[in-house]
Amino acid sequence: MIAEQPQHPGPIVQAIGVTRVFGRGAGAVHALKGADLSIPPRRLVALRGRSGSGKTTLLNMLGALDRPTEGAVYFKGTEISSLPEKKRNELRRTQMGLIFQSFALVPLMSAYENVEFGLRIAGVPASRRRELAEQALEFVGLKGRMKHRPFEMSGGEQQRVAIARAIAHRPSLILADEPTAELDSKMGLQVIKVFKELVQYEGMTIILTTHDPAIMEIVDHVYALEDGRIVDEG
């Protein structure tokens, strides 16, 4: 089992008055319009909304992948939106895990090698990589298939490898953009089950974007976005 994360006493992540504008003048697109969000530790949270509602843009802000045009983003009480790019990159590598819709695995690497490669990027010493990679693959139920390459695995297995890669360095926060969109409903629910276990047993916080009503019934909280604003919570 992966070591449980120490908890920050306040919200693990906050967005305060976050606005994001792409372009200028008449062609400017307001992807976010003053979004406010506060998420406590140990939660599985979903951002829902139509395509273009701003949910992926907000996820990128929370993960320090982009900066707001106005407003601020805080992680464990520290403003991260104004940090230099180098420090934001370091923060993502060491304290966050990213999961994508397309799995984003290296095709010629085995499951183990994909996870171990993520640990290299996170700066984990070579002496610890094997142990952490195997622990992460065991957690998602794939230690027995760690020598298989992505093309030898199902979509659900590939996404579980992607989860293992994201959690192997033991981050506090996981950000997942439509992590079940390429999976059938059964495989998608298996992935959400893994997320629930990470929150319950490992103390991680997970924020995901989704269109799936079944997933919205399972998560701890849902934030709805519409036209760049958070319009309701449930």
C-alpha atoms as a PDB file:
ATOM      1  CA  MET A   1       0.000   0.000   0.000  1.00  0.00           C
ATOM      2  CA  ILE A   2       1.187   3.522  -0.771  1.00  0.00           C
ATOM      3  CA  ALA A   3       1.992   5.715   2.211  1.00  0.00           C
ATOM      4  CA  GLU A   4      -0.849   8.034   3.194  1.00  0.00           C
ATOM      5  CA  GLN A   5      -0.342  11.727   2.502  1.00  0.00           C
ATOM      6  CA  PRO A   6       0.021  14.201   5.388  1.00  0.00           C
ATOM      7  CA  GLN A   7      -2.900  16.578   5.262  1.00  0.00           C
ATOM      8  CA  HIS A   8      -2.819  20.356   4.875  1.00  0.00           C
ATOM      9  CA  PRO A   9      -5.165  21.927   7.494  1.00  0.00           C
ATOM     10  CA  GLY A  10      -7.009  24.142   4.982  1.00  0.00           C
ATOM     11  CA  PRO A  11      -8.227  23.607   1.410  1.00  0.00           C
ATOM     12  CA  ILE A  12      -5.688  21.709  -0.653  1.00  0.00           C
ATOM     13  CA  VAL A  13      -6.491  23.824  -3.700  1.00  0.00           C
ATOM     14  CA  GLN A  14      -8.379  27.094  -4.254  1.00  0.00           C
ATOM     15  CA  ALA A  15      -9.290  29.273  -7.194  1.00  0.00           C
ATOM     16  CA  ILE A  16     -10.247  32.858  -6.345  1.00  0.00           C
ATOM     17  CA  GLY A  17     -11.815  35.062  -9.019  1.00  0.00           C
ATOM     18  CA  VAL A  18     -10.066  33.148 -11.781  1.00  0.00           C
ATOM     19  CA  THR A  19     -10.552  34.565 -15.270  1.00  0.00           C
ATOM     20  CA  ARG A  20      -8.821  33.245 -18.382  1.00  0.00           C
ATOM     21  CA  VAL A  21      -8.969  35.106 -21.686  1.00  0.00           C
ATOM     22  CA  PHE A  22      -7.458  33.710 -24.867  1.00  0.00           C
ATOM     23  CA  GLY A  23      -6.696  36.202 -27.633  1.00  0.00           C
ATOM     24  CA  ARG A  24      -7.379  39.931 -27.758  1.00  0.00           C
ATOM     25  CA  GLY A  25      -9.905  42.439 -28.973  1.00  0.00           C
ATOM     26  CA  ALA A  26     -13.029  41.302 -30.799  1.00  0.00           C
ATOM     27  CA  GLY A  27     -11.678  37.773 -31.158  1.00  0.00           C
ATOM     28  CA  ALA A  28     -10.980  37.271 -27.452  1.00  0.00           C
ATOM     29  CA  VAL A  29     -12.442  34.133 -25.870  1.00  0.00           C
ATOM     30  CA  HIS A  30     -13.337  34.256 -22.161  1.00  0.00           C
ATOM     31  CA  ALA A  31     -12.821  30.621 -21.135  1.00  0.00           C
ATOM     32  CA  LEU A  32     -13.243  31.401 -17.421  1.00  0.00           C
ATOM     33  CA  LYS A  33     -15.115  34.341 -15.918  1.00  0.00           C
ATOM     34  CA  GLY A  34     -14.307  34.828 -12.237  1.00  0.00           C
ATOM     35  CA  ALA A  35     -14.453  31.201 -11.098  1.00  0.00           C
ATOM     36  CA  ASP A  36     -14.233  30.527  -7.341  1.00  0.00           C
ATOM     37  CA  LEU A  37     -13.475  27.047  -6.005  1.00  0.00           C
ATOM     38  CA  SER A  38     -12.252  25.626  -2.691  1.00  0.00           C
ATOM     39  CA  ILE A  39     -11.553  21.903  -2.304  1.00  0.00           C
ATOM     40  CA  PRO A  40     -10.644  20.252   1.022  1.00  0.00           C
ATOM     41  CA  PRO A  41      -8.160  17.366   1.188  1.00  0.00           C
ATOM     42  CA  ARG A  42      -9.261  13.743   0.746  1.00  0.00           C
ATOM     43  CA  ARG A  43     -12.031  14.418  -1.756  1.00  0.00           C
ATOM     44  CA  LEU A  44     -12.993  12.957  -5.112  1.00  0.00           C
ATOM     45  CA  VAL A  45     -14.403  15.917  -7.027  1.00  0.00           C
ATOM     46  CA  ALA A  46     -15.871  16.188 -10.525  1.00  0.00           C
ATOM     47  CA  LEU A  47     -16.057  19.220 -12.801  1.00  0.00           C
ATOM     48  CA  ARG A  48     -18.920  18.846 -15.248  1.00  0.00           C
ATOM     49  CA  GLY A  49     -20.097  20.926 -18.158  1.00  0.00           C
ATOM     50  CA  ARG A  50     -20.533  20.998 -21.899  1.00  0.00           C
ATOM     51  CA  SER A  51     -17.621  21.258 -24.278  1.00  0.00           C
ATOM     52  CA  GLY A  52     -16.368  24.843 -24.061  1.00  0.00           C
ATOM     53  CA  SER A  53     -17.785  25.417 -20.567  1.00  0.00           C
ATOM     54  CA  GLY A  54     -14.324  26.012 -19.102  1.00  0.00           C
ATOM     55  CA  LYS A  55     -13.819  22.840 -17.076  1.00  0.00           C
ATOM     56  CA  THR A  56     -10.560  21.760 -18.739  1.00  0.00           C
ATOM     57  CA  THR A  57      -9.247  25.338 -18.551  1.00  0.00           C
ATOM     58  CA  LEU A  58     -10.027  25.372 -14.828  1.00  0.00           C
ATOM     59  CA  LEU A  59      -8.323  22.000 -14.366  1.00  0.00           C
ATOM     60  CA  ASN A  60      -5.232  23.394 -16.107  1.00  0.00           C
ATOM     61  CA  MET A  61      -5.234  26.370 -13.734  1.00  0.00           C
ATOM     62  CA  LEU A  62      -5.466  24.133 -10.657  1.00  0.00           C
ATOM     63  CA  GLY A  63      -2.594  22.032 -11.981  1.00  0.00           C
ATOM     64  CA  ALA A  64      -0.339  25.031 -12.709  1.00  0.00           C
ATOM     65  CA  LEU A  65      -0.360  24.134 -16.402  1.00  0.00           C
ATOM     66  CA  ASP A  66      -1.593  27.633 -17.232  1.00  0.00           C
ATOM     67  CA  ARG A  67      -1.911  31.008 -15.526  1.00  0.00           C
ATOM     68  CA  PRO A  68      -5.104  33.007 -15.048  1.00  0.00           C
ATOM     69  CA  THR A  69      -5.529  36.343 -16.778  1.00  0.00           C
ATOM     70  CA  GLU A  70      -6.999  37.597 -13.505  1.00  0.00           C
ATOM     71  CA  GLY A  71      -7.428  36.019 -10.074  1.00  0.00           C
ATOM     72  CA  ALA A  72      -5.245  33.550  -8.196  1.00  0.00           C
ATOM     73  CA  VAL A  73      -4.814  29.820  -7.601  1.00  0.00           C
ATOM     74  CA  TYR A  74      -3.544  28.440  -4.278  1.00  0.00           C
ATOM     75  CA  PHE A  75      -2.116  25.012  -3.492  1.00  0.00           C
ATOM     76  CA  LYS A  76      -1.781  24.108   0.199  1.00  0.00           C
ATOM     77  CA  GLY A  77      -2.119  27.778   1.083  1.00  0.00           C
ATOM     78  CA  THR A  78       0.577  29.037  -1.295  1.00  0.00           C
ATOM     79  CA  GLU A  79      -0.258  31.035  -4.402  1.00  0.00           C
ATOM     80  CA  ILE A  80       1.011  29.067  -7.394  1.00  0.00           C
ATOM     81  CA  SER A  81      -0.467  31.058 -10.268  1.00  0.00           C
ATOM     82  CA  SER A  82       2.241  33.725 -10.053  1.00  0.00           C
ATOM     83  CA  LEU A  83       5.185  31.332  -9.706  1.00  0.00           C
ATOM     84  CA  PRO A  84       7.824  31.258 -12.454  1.00  0.00           C
ATOM     85  CA  GLU A  85       7.420  28.444 -14.962  1.00  0.00           C
ATOM     86  CA  LYS A  86      10.365  26.482 -13.561  1.00  0.00           C
ATOM     87  CA  LYS A  87       8.839  26.404 -10.072  1.00  0.00           C
ATOM     88  CA  ARG A  88       5.407  25.467 -11.429  1.00  0.00           C
ATOM     89  CA  ASN A  89       6.971  22.594 -13.376  1.00  0.00           C
ATOM     90  CA  GLU A  90       8.751  21.391 -10.252  1.00  0.00           C
ATOM     91  CA  LEU A  91       5.529  21.579  -8.248  1.00  0.00           C
ATOM     92  CA  ARG A  92       3.672  19.428 -10.789  1.00  0.00           C
ATOM     93  CA  ARG A  93       6.471  16.866 -10.965  1.00  0.00           C
ATOM     94  CA  THR A  94       6.764  16.424  -7.217  1.00  0.00           C
ATOM     95  CA  GLN A  95       3.352  17.095  -5.656  1.00  0.00           C
ATOM     96  CA  MET A  96       0.782  16.474  -8.405  1.00  0.00           C
ATOM     97  CA  GLY A  97      -0.180  13.646 -10.719  1.00  0.00           C
ATOM     98  CA  LEU A  98      -1.745  14.172 -14.162  1.00  0.00           C
ATOM     99  CA  ILE A  99      -4.002  11.670 -15.970  1.00  0.00           C
ATOM    100  CA  PHE A 100      -5.214  12.180 -19.525  1.00  0.00           C
ATOM    101  CA  GLN A 101      -8.097  10.888 -21.636  1.00  0.00           C
ATOM    102  CA  SER A 102      -5.694   9.334 -24.167  1.00  0.00           C
ATOM    103  CA  PHE A 103      -3.615   7.509 -21.480  1.00  0.00           C
ATOM    104  CA  ALA A 104      -0.397   9.107 -22.914  1.00  0.00           C
ATOM    105  CA  LEU A 105       1.719   5.973 -22.399  1.00  0.00           C
ATOM    106  CA  VAL A 106       4.969   5.436 -24.275  1.00  0.00           C
ATOM    107  CA  PRO A 107       4.050   2.647 -26.766  1.00  0.00           C
ATOM    108  CA  LEU A 108       7.391   0.812 -26.780  1.00  0.00           C
ATOM    109  CA  MET A 109       7.741   0.794 -23.000  1.00  0.00           C
ATOM    110  CA  SER A 110       6.262  -1.874 -20.735  1.00  0.00           C
ATOM    111  CA  ALA A 111       3.807  -0.937 -18.005  1.00  0.00           C
ATOM    112  CA  TYR A 112       6.650  -0.998 -15.480  1.00  0.00           C
ATOM    113  CA  GLU A 113       8.905   1.119 -17.698  1.00  0.00           C
ATOM    114  CA  ASN A 114       6.154   3.716 -18.202  1.00  0.00           C
ATOM    115  CA  VAL A 115       5.701   4.065 -14.442  1.00  0.00           C
ATOM    116  CA  GLU A 116       9.442   4.065 -13.750  1.00  0.00           C
ATOM    117  CA  PHE A 117       9.930   6.740 -16.426  1.00  0.00           C
ATOM    118  CA  GLY A 118       7.402   8.953 -14.608  1.00  0.00           C
ATOM    119  CA  LEU A 119       9.417   8.534 -11.413  1.00  0.00           C
ATOM    120  CA  ARG A 120      12.565   9.620 -13.236  1.00  0.00           C
ATOM    121  CA  ILE A 121      10.817  12.786 -14.386  1.00  0.00           C
ATOM    122  CA  ALA A 122       9.675  13.405 -10.796  1.00  0.00           C
ATOM    123  CA  GLY A 123      13.310  13.255  -9.672  1.00  0.00           C
ATOM    124  CA  VAL A 124      12.929  10.114  -7.530  1.00  0.00           C
ATOM    125  CA  PRO A 125      16.322   8.511  -6.778  1.00  0.00           C
ATOM    126  CA  ALA A 126      17.138   5.384  -8.803  1.00  0.00           C
ATOM    127  CA  SER A 127      17.378   3.329  -5.601  1.00  0.00           C
ATOM    128  CA  ARG A 128      13.666   3.815  -4.899  1.00  0.00           C
ATOM    129  CA  ARG A 129      12.137   3.646  -8.375  1.00  0.00           C
ATOM    130  CA  ARG A 130      11.591  -0.113  -8.636  1.00  0.00           C
ATOM    131  CA  GLU A 131       9.903  -0.348  -5.240  1.00  0.00           C
ATOM    132  CA  LEU A 132       7.614   2.613  -5.890  1.00  0.00           C
ATOM    133  CA  ALA A 133       6.739   1.529  -9.446  1.00  0.00           C
ATOM    134  CA  GLU A 134       5.852  -1.992  -8.341  1.00  0.00           C
ATOM    135  CA  GLN A 135       3.812  -0.690  -5.396  1.00  0.00           C
ATOM    136  CA  ALA A 136       1.819   1.607  -7.688  1.00  0.00           C
ATOM    137  CA  LEU A 137       1.156  -1.160 -10.241  1.00  0.00           C
ATOM    138  CA  GLU A 138       0.121  -3.508  -7.446  1.00  0.00           C
ATOM    139  CA  PHE A 139      -2.295  -0.891  -6.111  1.00  0.00           C
ATOM    140  CA  VAL A 140      -4.100  -0.691  -9.469  1.00  0.00           C
ATOM    141  CA  GLY A 141      -4.087  -4.480  -9.808  1.00  0.00           C
ATOM    142  CA  LEU A 142      -1.526  -4.761 -12.614  1.00  0.00           C
ATOM    143  CA  LYS A 143       1.698  -5.981 -10.992  1.00  0.00           C
ATOM    144  CA  GLY A 144       1.233  -9.303 -12.793  1.00  0.00           C
ATOM    145  CA  ARG A 145       1.143  -7.523 -16.167  1.00  0.00           C
ATOM    146  CA  MET A 146       3.923  -5.029 -15.609  1.00  0.00           C
ATOM    147  CA  LYS A 147       6.047  -6.473 -18.452  1.00  0.00           C
ATOM    148  CA  HIS A 148       3.253  -5.976 -21.007  1.00  0.00           C
ATOM    149  CA  ARG A 149       3.324  -3.060 -23.443  1.00  0.00           C
ATOM    150  CA  PRO A 150       0.272  -0.832 -24.013  1.00  0.00           C
ATOM    151  CA  PHE A 151      -0.776  -2.587 -27.255  1.00  0.00           C
ATOM    152  CA  GLU A 152      -0.988  -5.856 -25.290  1.00  0.00           C
ATOM    153  CA  MET A 153      -3.440  -4.365 -22.788  1.00  0.00           C
ATOM    154  CA  SER A 154      -7.088  -3.340 -22.798  1.00  0.00           C
ATOM    155  CA  GLY A 155      -8.129   0.312 -22.611  1.00  0.00           C
ATOM    156  CA  GLY A 156      -9.020  -0.087 -18.946  1.00  0.00           C
ATOM    157  CA  GLU A 157      -5.645  -1.628 -18.181  1.00  0.00           C
ATOM    158  CA  GLN A 158      -3.841   1.157 -20.033  1.00  0.00           C
ATOM    159  CA  GLN A 159      -5.687   3.763 -18.018  1.00  0.00           C
ATOM    160  CA  ARG A 160      -4.783   1.939 -14.805  1.00  0.00           C
ATOM    161  CA  VAL A 161      -1.131   2.027 -15.880  1.00  0.00           C
ATOM    162  CA  ALA A 162      -1.547   5.780 -16.402  1.00  0.00           C
ATOM    163  CA  ILE A 163      -2.992   6.039 -12.882  1.00  0.00           C
ATOM    164  CA  ALA A 164      -0.068   4.035 -11.490  1.00  0.00           C
ATOM    165  CA  ARG A 165       2.347   6.408 -13.211  1.00  0.00           C
ATOM    166  CA  ALA A 166       0.510   9.412 -11.749  1.00  0.00           C
ATOM    167  CA  ILE A 167       0.492   8.086  -8.164  1.00  0.00           C
ATOM    168  CA  ALA A 168       3.891   6.344  -7.970  1.00  0.00           C
ATOM    169  CA  HIS A 169       5.689   9.435  -6.603  1.00  0.00           C
ATOM    170  CA  ARG A 170       2.934   9.798  -3.984  1.00  0.00           C
ATOM    171  CA  PRO A 171       1.456  13.190  -4.887  1.00  0.00           C
ATOM    172  CA  SER A 172      -1.083  15.054  -2.785  1.00  0.00           C
ATOM    173  CA  LEU A 173      -3.279  16.019  -5.738  1.00  0.00           C
ATOM    174  CA  ILE A 174      -4.361  14.081  -8.846  1.00  0.00           C
ATOM    175  CA  LEU A 175      -5.867  15.927 -11.825  1.00  0.00           C
ATOM    176  CA  ALA A 176      -7.633  13.802 -14.436  1.00  0.00           C
ATOM    177  CA  ASP A 177      -9.076  15.193 -17.685  1.00  0.00           C
ATOM    178  CA  GLU A 178     -11.933  12.961 -18.917  1.00  0.00           C
ATOM    179  CA  PRO A 179     -10.144   9.830 -17.618  1.00  0.00           C
ATOM    180  CA  THR A 180     -12.969   7.450 -18.593  1.00  0.00           C
ATOM    181  CA  ALA A 181     -14.033   8.982 -21.919  1.00  0.00           C
ATOM    182  CA  GLU A 182     -12.271   6.296 -24.000  1.00  0.00           C
ATOM    183  CA  LEU A 183     -13.552   3.405 -21.858  1.00  0.00           C
ATOM    184  CA  ASP A 184     -16.796   1.447 -21.757  1.00  0.00           C
ATOM    185  CA  SER A 185     -19.010   1.916 -18.689  1.00  0.00           C
ATOM    186  CA  LYS A 186     -17.680  -1.171 -16.876  1.00  0.00           C
ATOM    187  CA  MET A 187     -14.030  -0.186 -17.342  1.00  0.00           C
ATOM    188  CA  GLY A 188     -14.841   3.414 -16.460  1.00  0.00           C
ATOM    189  CA  LEU A 189     -16.369   2.401 -13.139  1.00  0.00           C
ATOM    190  CA  GLN A 190     -13.300   0.276 -12.375  1.00  0.00           C
ATOM    191  CA  VAL A 191     -11.138   3.358 -12.825  1.00  0.00           C
ATOM    192  CA  ILE A 192     -13.393   5.390 -10.520  1.00  0.00           C
ATOM    193  CA  LYS A 193     -13.189   2.572  -7.957  1.00  0.00           C
ATOM    194  CA  VAL A 194      -9.400   2.962  -7.980  1.00  0.00           C
ATOM    195  CA  PHE A 195      -9.835   6.723  -7.497  1.00  0.00           C
ATOM    196  CA  LYS A 196     -12.139   6.147  -4.514  1.00  0.00           C
ATOM    197  CA  GLU A 197      -9.569   3.840  -2.937  1.00  0.00           C
ATOM    198  CA  LEU A 198      -6.789   6.393  -3.433  1.00  0.00           C
ATOM    199  CA  VAL A 199      -8.869   8.985  -1.600  1.00  0.00           C
ATOM    200  CA  GLN A 200     -10.042   6.642   1.166  1.00  0.00           C
ATOM    201  CA  TYR A 201      -6.859   4.707   1.874  1.00  0.00           C
ATOM    202  CA  GLU A 202      -4.032   6.933   0.648  1.00  0.00           C
ATOM    203  CA  GLY A 203      -5.391  10.371   1.538  1.00  0.00           C
ATOM    204  CA  MET A 204      -5.044  11.809  -1.964  1.00  0.00           C
ATOM    205  CA  THR A 205      -7.342  14.443  -3.456  1.00  0.00           C
ATOM    206  CA  ILE A 206      -8.593  13.837  -6.994  1.00  0.00           C
ATOM    207  CA  ILE A 207     -10.238  16.355  -9.340  1.00  0.00           C
ATOM    208  CA  LEU A 208     -11.576  15.057 -12.639  1.00  0.00           C
ATOM    209  CA  THR A 209     -13.582  16.375 -15.549  1.00  0.00           C
ATOM    210  CA  THR A 210     -16.423  14.228 -16.874  1.00  0.00           C
ATOM    211  CA  HIS A 211     -19.644  14.079 -18.857  1.00  0.00           C
ATOM    212  CA  ASP A 212     -20.676  10.735 -17.353  1.00  0.00           C
ATOM    213  CA  PRO A 213     -23.805  10.886 -15.119  1.00  0.00           C
ATOM    214  CA  ALA A 214     -22.882   7.554 -13.478  1.00  0.00           C
ATOM    215  CA  ILE A 215     -19.586   9.000 -12.251  1.00  0.00           C
ATOM    216  CA  MET A 216     -21.316  12.099 -10.888  1.00  0.00           C
ATOM    217  CA  GLU A 217     -23.370   9.810  -8.628  1.00  0.00           C
ATOM    218  CA  ILE A 218     -20.210   8.278  -7.128  1.00  0.00           C
ATOM    219  CA  VAL A 219     -17.926  11.255  -6.471  1.00  0.00           C
ATOM    220  CA  ASP A 220     -17.963  13.271  -3.248  1.00  0.00           C
ATOM    221  CA  HIS A 221     -18.855  16.562  -4.913  1.00  0.00           C
ATOM    222  CA  VAL A 222     -19.755  17.937  -8.344  1.00  0.00           C
ATOM    223  CA  TYR A 223     -19.053  21.455  -9.572  1.00  0.00           C
ATOM    224  CA  ALA A 224     -20.986  22.480 -12.673  1.00  0.00           C
ATOM    225  CA  LEU A 225     -19.495  24.944 -15.144  1.00  0.00           C
ATOM    226  CA  GLU A 226     -21.421  26.923 -17.704  1.00  0.00           C
ATOM    227  CA  ASP A 227     -19.992  29.593 -19.981  1.00  0.00           C
ATOM    228  CA  GLY A 228     -16.866  29.988 -17.856  1.00  0.00           C
ATOM    229  CA  ARG A 229     -18.625  30.207 -14.508  1.00  0.00           C
ATOM    230  CA  ILE A 230     -19.375  27.757 -11.711  1.00  0.00           C
ATOM    231  CA  VAL A 231     -23.164  27.819 -11.702  1.00  0.00           C
ATOM    232  CA  ASP A 232     -24.051  25.262  -9.078  1.00  0.00           C
ATOM    233  CA  GLU A 233     -22.625  22.714  -6.695  1.00  0.00           C
ATOM    234  CA  GLY A 234     -23.973  19.306  -5.755  1.00  0.00           C
END
